[in-house]
PDB file of N, CA and C in Angstrom:
ATOM      1  N   UNK A   1     -20.747 -31.997  27.433  1.00  0.00           N
ATOM      2  CA  UNK A   1     -19.735 -31.828  28.386  1.00  0.00           C
ATOM      3  C   UNK A   1     -19.006 -33.458  27.466  1.00  0.00           C
ATOM      4  N   UNK A   2     -17.372 -33.215  28.836  1.00  0.00           N
ATOM      5  CA  UNK A   2     -17.436 -34.642  28.643  1.00  0.00           C
ATOM      6  C   UNK A   2     -17.034 -35.085  30.023  1.00  0.00           C
ATOM      7  N   UNK A   3     -16.446 -36.286  30.122  1.00  0.00           N
ATOM      8  CA  UNK A   3     -17.441 -37.484  31.754  1.00  0.00           C
ATOM      9  C   UNK A   3     -16.088 -36.653  32.771  1.00  0.00           C
ATOM     10  N   UNK A   4     -16.946 -36.687  34.096  1.00  0.00           N
ATOM     11  CA  UNK A   4     -15.506 -36.548  35.273  1.00  0.00           C
ATOM     12  C   UNK A   4     -14.679 -37.810  35.184  1.00  0.00           C
ATOM     13  N   UNK A   5     -13.382 -38.301  34.978  1.00  0.00           N
ATOM     14  CA  UNK A   5     -13.359 -39.646  34.475  1.00  0.00           C
ATOM     15  C   UNK A   5     -12.795 -39.924  36.181  1.00  0.00           C
ATOM     16  N   UNK A   6     -12.029 -39.214  37.448  1.00  0.00           N
ATOM     17  CA  UNK A   6     -11.619 -39.774  37.765  1.00  0.00           C
ATOM     18  C   UNK A   6     -12.795 -38.977  39.040  1.00  0.00           C
ATOM     19  N   UNK A   7     -12.841 -40.425  40.382  1.00  0.00           N
ATOM     20  CA  UNK A   7     -14.007 -39.345  40.932  1.00  0.00           C
ATOM     21  C   UNK A   7     -13.909 -38.519  42.372  1.00  0.00           C
ATOM     22  N   UNK A   8     -12.547 -38.552  42.367  1.00  0.00           N
ATOM     23  CA  UNK A   8     -11.920 -37.432  43.490  1.00  0.00           C
ATOM     24  C   UNK A   8     -10.346 -37.062  42.293  1.00  0.00           C
ATOM     25  N   UNK A   9     -10.092 -35.268  43.302  1.00  0.00           N
ATOM     26  CA  UNK A   9      -8.979 -35.018  42.593  1.00  0.00           C
ATOM     27  C   UNK A   9      -7.495 -35.822  43.287  1.00  0.00           C
ATOM     28  N   UNK A  10      -7.811 -36.329  44.401  1.00  0.00           N
ATOM     29  CA  UNK A  10      -6.803 -37.201  44.441  1.00  0.00           C
ATOM     30  C   UNK A  10      -6.338 -38.751  43.483  1.00  0.00           C
ATOM     31  N   UNK A  11      -7.586 -38.887  42.848  1.00  0.00           N
ATOM     32  CA  UNK A  11      -7.420 -40.100  43.075  1.00  0.00           C
ATOM     33  C   UNK A  11      -6.563 -39.836  41.128  1.00  0.00           C
ATOM     34  N   UNK A  12      -7.596 -38.753  40.195  1.00  0.00           N
ATOM     35  CA  UNK A  12      -6.723 -37.627  38.803  1.00  0.00           C
ATOM     36  C   UNK A  12      -5.293 -37.690  39.448  1.00  0.00           C
ATOM     37  N   UNK A  13      -4.952 -36.577  40.293  1.00  0.00           N
ATOM     38  CA  UNK A  13      -3.433 -36.654  40.790  1.00  0.00           C
ATOM     39  C   UNK A  13      -2.248 -38.061  41.108  1.00  0.00           C
ATOM     40  N   UNK A  14      -2.962 -39.209  41.790  1.00  0.00           N
ATOM     41  CA  UNK A  14      -1.825 -40.064  41.913  1.00  0.00           C
ATOM     42  C   UNK A  14      -2.405 -40.820  40.481  1.00  0.00           C
ATOM     43  N   UNK A  15      -3.369 -40.771  39.627  1.00  0.00           N
ATOM     44  CA  UNK A  15      -2.999 -41.651  38.560  1.00  0.00           C
ATOM     45  C   UNK A  15      -1.843 -40.726  37.374  1.00  0.00           C
ATOM     46  N   UNK A  16      -2.129 -39.760  37.351  1.00  0.00           N
ATOM     47  CA  UNK A  16      -0.421 -39.161  37.240  1.00  0.00           C
ATOM     48  C   UNK A  16       1.065 -39.322  37.450  1.00  0.00           C
ATOM     49  N   UNK A  17       0.143 -39.526  38.739  1.00  0.00           N
ATOM     50  CA  UNK A  17       1.700 -39.728  39.497  1.00  0.00           C
ATOM     51  C   UNK A  17       2.465 -40.931  38.212  1.00  0.00           C
ATOM     52  N   UNK A  18       1.184 -41.903  39.063  1.00  0.00           N
ATOM     53  CA  UNK A  18       1.287 -43.331  38.726  1.00  0.00           C
ATOM     54  C   UNK A  18       2.011 -42.983  37.090  1.00  0.00           C
ATOM     55  N   UNK A  19       1.755 -42.585  35.690  1.00  0.00           N
ATOM     56  CA  UNK A  19       1.804 -41.897  34.524  1.00  0.00           C
ATOM     57  C   UNK A  19       3.542 -42.082  34.380  1.00  0.00           C
ATOM     58  N   UNK A  20       3.820 -40.953  35.479  1.00  0.00           N
ATOM     59  CA  UNK A  20       5.439 -40.254  35.152  1.00  0.00           C
ATOM     60  C   UNK A  20       6.118 -41.204  36.062  1.00  0.00           C
ATOM     61  N   UNK A  21       6.101 -42.383  36.793  1.00  0.00           N
ATOM     62  CA  UNK A  21       6.647 -43.139  36.842  1.00  0.00           C
ATOM     63  C   UNK A  21       7.055 -43.840  36.189  1.00  0.00           C
ATOM     64  N   UNK A  22       5.713 -44.748  34.802  1.00  0.00           N
ATOM     65  CA  UNK A  22       5.874 -45.098  33.864  1.00  0.00           C
ATOM     66  C   UNK A  22       7.125 -44.599  33.464  1.00  0.00           C
ATOM     67  N   UNK A  23       7.024 -43.255  32.872  1.00  0.00           N
ATOM     68  CA  UNK A  23       7.622 -42.444  31.760  1.00  0.00           C
ATOM     69  C   UNK A  23       8.604 -42.802  32.592  1.00  0.00           C
ATOM     70  N   UNK A  24       9.475 -42.564  33.317  1.00  0.00           N
ATOM     71  CA  UNK A  24      10.382 -42.365  33.860  1.00  0.00           C
ATOM     72  C   UNK A  24      10.996 -44.005  33.625  1.00  0.00           C
ATOM     73  N   UNK A  25      10.472 -45.097  34.200  1.00  0.00           N
ATOM     74  CA  UNK A  25      10.826 -46.867  33.829  1.00  0.00           C
ATOM     75  C   UNK A  25      10.859 -46.768  32.174  1.00  0.00           C
ATOM     76  N   UNK A  26      10.168 -45.792  31.178  1.00  0.00           N
ATOM     77  CA  UNK A  26      10.541 -46.449  30.208  1.00  0.00           C
ATOM     78  C   UNK A  26      11.583 -45.159  29.028  1.00  0.00           C
ATOM     79  N   UNK A  27      11.616 -44.236  30.234  1.00  0.00           N
ATOM     80  CA  UNK A  27      12.128 -43.507  29.645  1.00  0.00           C
ATOM     81  C   UNK A  27      11.632 -42.851  27.693  1.00  0.00           C
ATOM     82  N   UNK A  28      10.475 -42.449  28.568  1.00  0.00           N
ATOM     83  CA  UNK A  28       9.579 -41.639  27.647  1.00  0.00           C
ATOM     84  C   UNK A  28       9.693 -39.848  28.630  1.00  0.00           C
ATOM     85  N   UNK A  29       8.906 -38.843  27.297  1.00  0.00           N
ATOM     86  CA  UNK A  29       9.247 -37.490  27.436  1.00  0.00           C
ATOM     87  C   UNK A  29       7.638 -37.979  28.516  1.00  0.00           C
ATOM     88  N   UNK A  30       6.498 -37.645  29.634  1.00  0.00           N
ATOM     89  CA  UNK A  30       5.353 -37.222  29.828  1.00  0.00           C
ATOM     90  C   UNK A  30       4.631 -36.477  28.877  1.00  0.00           C
ATOM     91  N   UNK A  31       3.762 -36.636  28.675  1.00  0.00           N
ATOM     92  CA  UNK A  31       3.019 -35.425  27.559  1.00  0.00           C
ATOM     93  C   UNK A  31       1.433 -36.167  27.517  1.00  0.00           C
ATOM     94  N   UNK A  32       0.611 -35.296  27.124  1.00  0.00           N
ATOM     95  CA  UNK A  32      -1.291 -35.258  27.200  1.00  0.00           C
ATOM     96  C   UNK A  32      -0.588 -36.543  26.555  1.00  0.00           C
ATOM     97  N   UNK A  33      -1.178 -36.460  25.414  1.00  0.00           N
ATOM     98  CA  UNK A  33      -1.417 -37.831  24.292  1.00  0.00           C
ATOM     99  C   UNK A  33      -1.081 -38.908  25.061  1.00  0.00           C
ATOM    100  N   UNK A  34       0.239 -38.934  25.956  1.00  0.00           N
ATOM    101  CA  UNK A  34       0.931 -40.357  26.518  1.00  0.00           C
ATOM    102  C   UNK A  34      -0.071 -40.187  28.421  1.00  0.00           C
ATOM    103  N   UNK A  35      -0.244 -39.819  28.592  1.00  0.00           N
ATOM    104  CA  UNK A  35      -1.387 -39.412  29.800  1.00  0.00           C
ATOM    105  C   UNK A  35      -2.654 -40.564  28.961  1.00  0.00           C
ATOM    106  N   UNK A  36      -3.649 -39.477  28.562  1.00  0.00           N
ATOM    107  CA  UNK A  36      -4.739 -40.121  27.842  1.00  0.00           C
ATOM    108  C   UNK A  36      -4.453 -41.646  27.533  1.00  0.00           C
ATOM    109  N   UNK A  37      -4.017 -41.894  26.988  1.00  0.00           N
ATOM    110  CA  UNK A  37      -3.465 -43.778  26.317  1.00  0.00           C
ATOM    111  C   UNK A  37      -2.923 -44.239  27.612  1.00  0.00           C
ATOM    112  N   UNK A  38      -2.263 -43.892  28.993  1.00  0.00           N
ATOM    113  CA  UNK A  38      -1.998 -44.738  29.655  1.00  0.00           C
ATOM    114  C   UNK A  38      -3.603 -44.625  30.626  1.00  0.00           C
ATOM    115  N   UNK A  39      -4.470 -43.078  31.347  1.00  0.00           N
ATOM    116  CA  UNK A  39      -5.419 -43.449  31.903  1.00  0.00           C
ATOM    117  C   UNK A  39      -6.410 -43.699  30.842  1.00  0.00           C
ATOM    118  N   UNK A  40      -7.116 -44.647  29.509  1.00  0.00           N
ATOM    119  CA  UNK A  40      -7.900 -44.507  28.688  1.00  0.00           C
ATOM    120  C   UNK A  40      -9.230 -43.654  29.022  1.00  0.00           C
ATOM    121  N   UNK A  41      -8.291 -42.633  28.271  1.00  0.00           N
ATOM    122  CA  UNK A  41      -9.193 -41.567  28.449  1.00  0.00           C
ATOM    123  C   UNK A  41      -9.238 -41.055  26.981  1.00  0.00           C
ATOM    124  N   UNK A  42      -9.704 -40.324  26.273  1.00  0.00           N
ATOM    125  CA  UNK A  42     -10.305 -39.037  25.076  1.00  0.00           C
ATOM    126  C   UNK A  42      -9.062 -38.024  25.744  1.00  0.00           C
ATOM    127  N   UNK A  43      -8.719 -37.185  24.828  1.00  0.00           N
ATOM    128  CA  UNK A  43      -7.993 -35.516  25.174  1.00  0.00           C
ATOM    129  C   UNK A  43      -9.220 -34.936  25.647  1.00  0.00           C
ATOM    130  N   UNK A  44     -10.472 -34.793  25.240  1.00  0.00           N
ATOM    131  CA  UNK A  44     -11.745 -34.119  25.200  1.00  0.00           C
ATOM    132  C   UNK A  44     -12.032 -34.761  27.275  1.00  0.00           C
ATOM    133  N   UNK A  45     -11.768 -35.348  26.873  1.00  0.00           N
ATOM    134  CA  UNK A  45     -12.385 -35.898  28.719  1.00  0.00           C
ATOM    135  C   UNK A  45     -10.702 -35.130  29.320  1.00  0.00           C
ATOM    136  N   UNK A  46     -10.045 -34.876  29.200  1.00  0.00           N
ATOM    137  CA  UNK A  46      -8.387 -34.907  29.971  1.00  0.00           C
ATOM    138  C   UNK A  46      -8.911 -33.285  30.557  1.00  0.00           C
ATOM    139  N   UNK A  47      -9.544 -32.710  28.943  1.00  0.00           N
ATOM    140  CA  UNK A  47      -9.444 -31.399  29.516  1.00  0.00           C
ATOM    141  C   UNK A  47     -10.775 -31.066  30.256  1.00  0.00           C
ATOM    142  N   UNK A  48     -11.392 -31.448  29.604  1.00  0.00           N
ATOM    143  CA  UNK A  48     -12.842 -31.419  30.794  1.00  0.00           C
ATOM    144  C   UNK A  48     -12.491 -31.399  32.384  1.00  0.00           C
ATOM    145  N   UNK A  49     -11.740 -32.400  32.746  1.00  0.00           N
ATOM    146  CA  UNK A  49     -11.011 -32.534  34.090  1.00  0.00           C
ATOM    147  C   UNK A  49     -10.677 -30.685  34.810  1.00  0.00           C
ATOM    148  N   UNK A  50     -10.535 -30.094  34.231  1.00  0.00           N
ATOM    149  CA  UNK A  50     -10.239 -28.831  35.054  1.00  0.00           C
ATOM    150  C   UNK A  50     -11.293 -28.029  35.449  1.00  0.00           C
ATOM    151  N   UNK A  51     -12.387 -28.911  34.498  1.00  0.00           N
ATOM    152  CA  UNK A  51     -14.070 -28.643  35.140  1.00  0.00           C
ATOM    153  C   UNK A  51     -14.024 -28.851  36.312  1.00  0.00           C
ATOM    154  N   UNK A  52     -14.031 -29.808  36.459  1.00  0.00           N
ATOM    155  CA  UNK A  52     -14.151 -30.408  37.578  1.00  0.00           C
ATOM    156  C   UNK A  52     -12.621 -30.627  38.982  1.00  0.00           C
ATOM    157  N   UNK A  53     -11.651 -31.082  38.517  1.00  0.00           N
ATOM    158  CA  UNK A  53     -10.872 -30.613  39.686  1.00  0.00           C
ATOM    159  C   UNK A  53      -9.652 -29.179  39.044  1.00  0.00           C
ATOM    160  N   UNK A  54      -9.930 -28.194  39.351  1.00  0.00           N
ATOM    161  CA  UNK A  54      -9.091 -26.891  38.688  1.00  0.00           C
ATOM    162  C   UNK A  54      -7.657 -27.083  39.209  1.00  0.00           C
ATOM    163  N   UNK A  55      -7.857 -26.744  40.091  1.00  0.00           N
ATOM    164  CA  UNK A  55      -6.140 -26.776  40.732  1.00  0.00           C
ATOM    165  C   UNK A  55      -5.115 -28.493  40.871  1.00  0.00           C
ATOM    166  N   UNK A  56      -5.883 -29.523  40.584  1.00  0.00           N
ATOM    167  CA  UNK A  56      -4.417 -30.961  40.137  1.00  0.00           C
ATOM    168  C   UNK A  56      -4.935 -31.138  38.907  1.00  0.00           C
ATOM    169  N   UNK A  57      -5.627 -30.134  37.953  1.00  0.00           N
ATOM    170  CA  UNK A  57      -4.906 -30.037  36.380  1.00  0.00           C
ATOM    171  C   UNK A  57      -4.262 -28.937  36.181  1.00  0.00           C
ATOM    172  N   UNK A  58      -4.200 -27.914  36.872  1.00  0.00           N
ATOM    173  CA  UNK A  58      -3.432 -27.337  36.626  1.00  0.00           C
ATOM    174  C   UNK A  58      -1.779 -27.704  37.559  1.00  0.00           C
ATOM    175  N   UNK A  59      -1.475 -28.865  38.404  1.00  0.00           N
ATOM    176  CA  UNK A  59      -0.960 -29.447  38.644  1.00  0.00           C
ATOM    177  C   UNK A  59       0.447 -30.152  38.128  1.00  0.00           C
ATOM    178  N   UNK A  60      -1.061 -31.248  37.055  1.00  0.00           N
ATOM    179  CA  UNK A  60      -0.260 -31.503  36.131  1.00  0.00           C
ATOM    180  C   UNK A  60       0.203 -31.471  35.423  1.00  0.00           C
ATOM    181  N   UNK A  61      -0.314 -29.673  34.843  1.00  0.00           N
ATOM    182  CA  UNK A  61       0.511 -29.183  33.387  1.00  0.00           C
ATOM    183  C   UNK A  61       1.522 -28.551  33.937  1.00  0.00           C
ATOM    184  N   UNK A  62       1.731 -28.527  35.443  1.00  0.00           N
ATOM    185  CA  UNK A  62       3.317 -27.850  35.632  1.00  0.00           C
ATOM    186  C   UNK A  62       4.297 -28.632  36.079  1.00  0.00           C
ATOM    187  N   UNK A  63       3.863 -29.658  36.186  1.00  0.00           N
ATOM    188  CA  UNK A  63       4.232 -30.881  36.643  1.00  0.00           C
ATOM    189  C   UNK A  63       4.909 -31.834  34.694  1.00  0.00           C
ATOM    190  N   UNK A  64       3.976 -31.243  33.864  1.00  0.00           N
ATOM    191  CA  UNK A  64       4.541 -31.780  32.493  1.00  0.00           C
ATOM    192  C   UNK A  64       5.298 -30.625  32.131  1.00  0.00           C
ATOM    193  N   UNK A  65       5.344 -29.986  32.803  1.00  0.00           N
ATOM    194  CA  UNK A  65       6.426 -28.720  32.157  1.00  0.00           C
ATOM    195  C   UNK A  65       7.328 -28.439  32.580  1.00  0.00           C
ATOM    196  N   UNK A  66       7.645 -29.297  33.575  1.00  0.00           N
ATOM    197  CA  UNK A  66       8.910 -29.613  34.711  1.00  0.00           C
ATOM    198  C   UNK A  66       9.825 -31.050  34.408  1.00  0.00           C
ATOM    199  N   UNK A  67       8.207 -31.779  33.705  1.00  0.00           N
ATOM    200  CA  UNK A  67       9.528 -33.262  33.520  1.00  0.00           C
ATOM    201  C   UNK A  67      10.224 -32.509  32.152  1.00  0.00           C
ATOM    202  N   UNK A  68       9.917 -31.368  31.243  1.00  0.00           N
ATOM    203  CA  UNK A  68      10.069 -31.657  30.224  1.00  0.00           C
ATOM    204  C   UNK A  68      11.507 -30.920  30.109  1.00  0.00           C
ATOM    205  N   UNK A  69      11.202 -29.461  31.326  1.00  0.00           N
ATOM    206  CA  UNK A  69      12.245 -29.041  31.076  1.00  0.00           C
ATOM    207  C   UNK A  69      13.778 -30.043  31.830  1.00  0.00           C
ATOM    208  N   UNK A  70      13.538 -31.032  32.987  1.00  0.00           N
ATOM    209  CA  UNK A  70      14.404 -30.969  33.328  1.00  0.00           C
ATOM    210  C   UNK A  70      14.643 -32.921  32.112  1.00  0.00           C
ATOM    211  N   UNK A  71      13.634 -32.864  31.521  1.00  0.00           N
ATOM    212  CA  UNK A  71      14.482 -34.343  30.830  1.00  0.00           C
ATOM    213  C   UNK A  71      15.194 -34.346  29.793  1.00  0.00           C
ATOM    214  N   UNK A  72      15.808 -35.283  29.289  1.00  0.00           N
ATOM    215  CA  UNK A  72      17.664 -35.762  29.156  1.00  0.00           C
ATOM    216  C   UNK A  72      16.789 -36.390  27.937  1.00  0.00           C
ATOM    217  N   UNK A  73      16.454 -34.970  26.785  1.00  0.00           N
ATOM    218  CA  UNK A  73      16.050 -34.987  25.654  1.00  0.00           C
ATOM    219  C   UNK A  73      16.892 -34.096  24.969  1.00  0.00           C
ATOM    220  N   UNK A  74      17.120 -33.989  23.532  1.00  0.00           N
ATOM    221  CA  UNK A  74      17.491 -33.480  22.670  1.00  0.00           C
ATOM    222  C   UNK A  74      17.460 -31.682  22.658  1.00  0.00           C
ATOM    223  N   UNK A  75      18.701 -30.433  23.228  1.00  0.00           N
ATOM    224  CA  UNK A  75      17.786 -29.935  23.672  1.00  0.00           C
ATOM    225  C   UNK A  75      17.146 -28.570  22.141  1.00  0.00           C
ATOM    226  N   UNK A  76      17.651 -29.149  20.394  1.00  0.00           N
ATOM    227  CA  UNK A  76      16.752 -28.513  19.985  1.00  0.00           C
ATOM    228  C   UNK A  76      14.516 -28.501  20.530  1.00  0.00           C
ATOM    229  N   UNK A  77      14.581 -30.180  20.541  1.00  0.00           N
ATOM    230  CA  UNK A  77      12.914 -30.683  20.010  1.00  0.00           C
ATOM    231  C   UNK A  77      12.827 -30.027  21.729  1.00  0.00           C
ATOM    232  N   UNK A  78      13.472 -29.664  22.866  1.00  0.00           N
ATOM    233  CA  UNK A  78      12.811 -29.993  24.024  1.00  0.00           C
ATOM    234  C   UNK A  78      12.478 -27.322  23.723  1.00  0.00           C
ATOM    235  N   UNK A  79      13.666 -26.772  23.249  1.00  0.00           N
ATOM    236  CA  UNK A  79      12.966 -25.857  22.882  1.00  0.00           C
ATOM    237  C   UNK A  79      11.720 -25.609  22.760  1.00  0.00           C
ATOM    238  N   UNK A  80      11.520 -26.932  21.002  1.00  0.00           N
ATOM    239  CA  UNK A  80      10.895 -26.511  19.584  1.00  0.00           C
ATOM    240  C   UNK A  80       9.527 -26.903  21.006  1.00  0.00           C
ATOM    241  N   UNK A  81       9.141 -27.731  21.884  1.00  0.00           N
ATOM    242  CA  UNK A  81       7.895 -28.317  22.750  1.00  0.00           C
ATOM    243  C   UNK A  81       8.051 -27.385  23.196  1.00  0.00           C
ATOM    244  N   UNK A  82       8.475 -27.148  24.220  1.00  0.00           N
ATOM    245  CA  UNK A  82       8.902 -25.784  25.179  1.00  0.00           C
ATOM    246  C   UNK A  82       7.490 -24.596  24.433  1.00  0.00           C
ATOM    247  N   UNK A  83       8.372 -24.314  23.105  1.00  0.00           N
ATOM    248  CA  UNK A  83       7.296 -22.667  23.194  1.00  0.00           C
ATOM    249  C   UNK A  83       5.850 -23.568  22.459  1.00  0.00           C
ATOM    250  N   UNK A  84       5.813 -24.406  21.895  1.00  0.00           N
ATOM    251  CA  UNK A  84       4.612 -24.530  21.231  1.00  0.00           C
ATOM    252  C   UNK A  84       3.515 -25.414  22.039  1.00  0.00           C
ATOM    253  N   UNK A  85       3.537 -26.269  23.687  1.00  0.00           N
ATOM    254  CA  UNK A  85       2.820 -26.487  25.101  1.00  0.00           C
ATOM    255  C   UNK A  85       2.789 -25.490  25.430  1.00  0.00           C
ATOM    256  N   UNK A  86       4.252 -24.456  26.225  1.00  0.00           N
ATOM    257  CA  UNK A  86       3.984 -24.545  27.245  1.00  0.00           C
ATOM    258  C   UNK A  86       3.972 -22.541  27.000  1.00  0.00           C
ATOM    259  N   UNK A  87       4.487 -22.536  26.028  1.00  0.00           N
ATOM    260  CA  UNK A  87       3.902 -20.530  24.844  1.00  0.00           C
ATOM    261  C   UNK A  87       5.435 -20.345  25.527  1.00  0.00           C
ATOM    262  N   UNK A  88       6.334 -20.221  25.638  1.00  0.00           N
ATOM    263  CA  UNK A  88       7.972 -20.203  25.648  1.00  0.00           C
ATOM    264  C   UNK A  88       8.781 -18.684  24.864  1.00  0.00           C
ATOM    265  N   UNK A  89       8.800 -17.851  24.692  1.00  0.00           N
ATOM    266  CA  UNK A  89       9.413 -17.334  24.308  1.00  0.00           C
ATOM    267  C   UNK A  89      10.580 -16.966  23.374  1.00  0.00           C
ATOM    268  N   UNK A  90      11.399 -16.492  22.844  1.00  0.00           N
ATOM    269  CA  UNK A  90      12.803 -16.036  22.731  1.00  0.00           C
ATOM    270  C   UNK A  90      12.708 -14.584  23.241  1.00  0.00           C
ATOM    271  N   UNK A  91      11.266 -14.104  23.057  1.00  0.00           N
ATOM    272  CA  UNK A  91      12.190 -12.494  23.089  1.00  0.00           C
ATOM    273  C   UNK A  91      10.559 -12.097  23.409  1.00  0.00           C
ATOM    274  N   UNK A  92      10.421 -11.350  23.902  1.00  0.00           N
ATOM    275  CA  UNK A  92       9.222 -10.158  24.413  1.00  0.00           C
ATOM    276  C   UNK A  92       7.938  -9.952  23.269  1.00  0.00           C
ATOM    277  N   UNK A  93       7.118 -10.358  23.227  1.00  0.00           N
ATOM    278  CA  UNK A  93       6.238  -9.766  22.098  1.00  0.00           C
ATOM    279  C   UNK A  93       5.505  -9.045  22.621  1.00  0.00           C
ATOM    280  N   UNK A  94       5.147  -7.147  22.222  1.00  0.00           N
ATOM    281  CA  UNK A  94       4.534  -6.647  22.709  1.00  0.00           C
ATOM    282  C   UNK A  94       3.690  -6.378  21.745  1.00  0.00           C
ATOM    283  N   UNK A  95       2.377  -5.659  22.242  1.00  0.00           N
ATOM    284  CA  UNK A  95       1.002  -6.029  22.260  1.00  0.00           C
ATOM    285  C   UNK A  95      -0.310  -4.734  22.184  1.00  0.00           C
ATOM    286  N   UNK A  96      -0.286  -4.406  21.360  1.00  0.00           N
ATOM    287  CA  UNK A  96      -0.911  -2.582  21.836  1.00  0.00           C
ATOM    288  C   UNK A  96      -1.626  -2.311  20.418  1.00  0.00           C
ATOM    289  N   UNK A  97      -2.779  -1.879  21.575  1.00  0.00           N
ATOM    290  CA  UNK A  97      -4.234  -1.431  21.288  1.00  0.00           C
ATOM    291  C   UNK A  97      -4.041  -0.270  20.938  1.00  0.00           C
ATOM    292  N   UNK A  98      -4.268   0.155  20.253  1.00  0.00           N
ATOM    293  CA  UNK A  98      -4.393   1.384  19.523  1.00  0.00           C
ATOM    294  C   UNK A  98      -5.961   1.622  18.952  1.00  0.00           C
ATOM    295  N   UNK A  99      -6.419   2.486  20.315  1.00  0.00           N
ATOM    296  CA  UNK A  99      -7.713   3.678  19.634  1.00  0.00           C
ATOM    297  C   UNK A  99      -7.686   5.149  19.349  1.00  0.00           C
ATOM    298  N   UNK A 100      -6.787   5.065  17.837  1.00  0.00           N
ATOM    299  CA  UNK A 100      -6.533   6.796  17.866  1.00  0.00           C
ATOM    300  C   UNK A 100      -7.398   6.822  16.432  1.00  0.00           C
ATOM    301  N   UNK A 101      -7.845   7.905  16.370  1.00  0.00           N
ATOM    302  CA  UNK A 101      -8.715   8.195  15.013  1.00  0.00           C
ATOM    303  C   UNK A 101      -7.296   9.413  14.321  1.00  0.00           C
ATOM    304  N   UNK A 102      -7.493   9.596  13.298  1.00  0.00           N
ATOM    305  CA  UNK A 102      -6.814   9.919  12.432  1.00  0.00           C
ATOM    306  C   UNK A 102      -7.328  10.545  10.988  1.00  0.00           C
ATOM    307  N   UNK A 103      -7.370  12.242  11.073  1.00  0.00           N
ATOM    308  CA  UNK A 103      -8.197  12.787  10.644  1.00  0.00           C
ATOM    309  C   UNK A 103      -7.575  13.295   8.965  1.00  0.00           C
ATOM    310  N   UNK A 104      -7.349  12.086   8.077  1.00  0.00           N
ATOM    311  CA  UNK A 104      -6.635  13.544   6.713  1.00  0.00           C
ATOM    312  C   UNK A 104      -7.264  14.513   6.349  1.00  0.00           C
ATOM    313  N   UNK A 105      -8.374  14.523   6.211  1.00  0.00           N
ATOM    314  CA  UNK A 105      -9.216  15.033   5.717  1.00  0.00           C
ATOM    315  C   UNK A 105      -8.681  16.252   5.783  1.00  0.00           C
ATOM    316  N   UNK A 106      -9.241  16.495   7.314  1.00  0.00           N
ATOM    317  CA  UNK A 106      -8.590  18.064   8.310  1.00  0.00           C
ATOM    318  C   UNK A 106      -7.186  18.604   7.716  1.00  0.00           C
ATOM    319  N   UNK A 107      -6.914  17.390   7.564  1.00  0.00           N
ATOM    320  CA  UNK A 107      -5.197  17.755   7.374  1.00  0.00           C
ATOM    321  C   UNK A 107      -4.955  18.096   5.799  1.00  0.00           C
ATOM    322  N   UNK A 108      -5.396  17.368   5.408  1.00  0.00           N
ATOM    323  CA  UNK A 108      -5.447  18.279   3.092  1.00  0.00           C
ATOM    324  C   UNK A 108      -5.706  19.673   3.183  1.00  0.00           C
ATOM    325  N   UNK A 109      -7.054  19.040   3.859  1.00  0.00           N
ATOM    326  CA  UNK A 109      -7.851  21.224   3.543  1.00  0.00           C
ATOM    327  C   UNK A 109      -6.635  21.955   4.310  1.00  0.00           C
ATOM    328  N   UNK A 110      -5.891  21.498   5.170  1.00  0.00           N
ATOM    329  CA  UNK A 110      -5.364  22.763   5.867  1.00  0.00           C
ATOM    330  C   UNK A 110      -3.459  23.169   4.926  1.00  0.00           C
ATOM    331  N   UNK A 111      -3.600  21.680   4.234  1.00  0.00           N
ATOM    332  CA  UNK A 111      -1.941  22.600   3.591  1.00  0.00           C
ATOM    333  C   UNK A 111      -2.939  22.397   1.610  1.00  0.00           C
ATOM    334  N   UNK A 112      -4.363  22.783   1.131  1.00  0.00           N
ATOM    335  CA  UNK A 112      -4.590  22.549  -0.076  1.00  0.00           C
ATOM    336  C   UNK A 112      -4.892  24.521  -0.020  1.00  0.00           C
ATOM    337  N   UNK A 113      -5.152  24.681   1.259  1.00  0.00           N
ATOM    338  CA  UNK A 113      -5.481  26.492   1.798  1.00  0.00           C
ATOM    339  C   UNK A 113      -3.576  27.028   1.937  1.00  0.00           C
ATOM    340  N   UNK A 114      -3.077  26.392   2.721  1.00  0.00           N
ATOM    341  CA  UNK A 114      -2.172  27.327   2.816  1.00  0.00           C
ATOM    342  C   UNK A 114      -0.998  27.542   0.762  1.00  0.00           C
ATOM    343  N   UNK A 115      -0.313  28.521   1.453  1.00  0.00           N
ATOM    344  CA  UNK A 115       0.351  28.888   0.521  1.00  0.00           C
ATOM    345  C   UNK A 115       1.584  29.300   0.699  1.00  0.00           C
ATOM    346  N   UNK A 116       2.802  28.720  -0.287  1.00  0.00           N
ATOM    347  CA  UNK A 116       3.589  28.648  -0.392  1.00  0.00           C
ATOM    348  C   UNK A 116       4.846  28.945  -0.976  1.00  0.00           C
TER     349      UNK A 116
END
């Protein structure tokens, strides 16, 4: 298990807000890798914070999403990033879980026995 990087959820949130301000000053797009560098931690440690500070972790991801949506960046890049990072889609994907058995054997027996 990775370490708890922050003593409190408020410390986690404050560090992330500092990172957002840093990104605005430097005209950078906030992202997880950038925050990890800013906070001197690795990606595994970042994701481990979800175990300790679930609500704050969700909030951080929502801030990242909002910052990306509102960023003054190339629209093509923004679309690509939103689809990959935040699972945005152009269309509705349908998933079907069908559990139907088809008995071809019975059908073939009936056809073979029928006279035309």
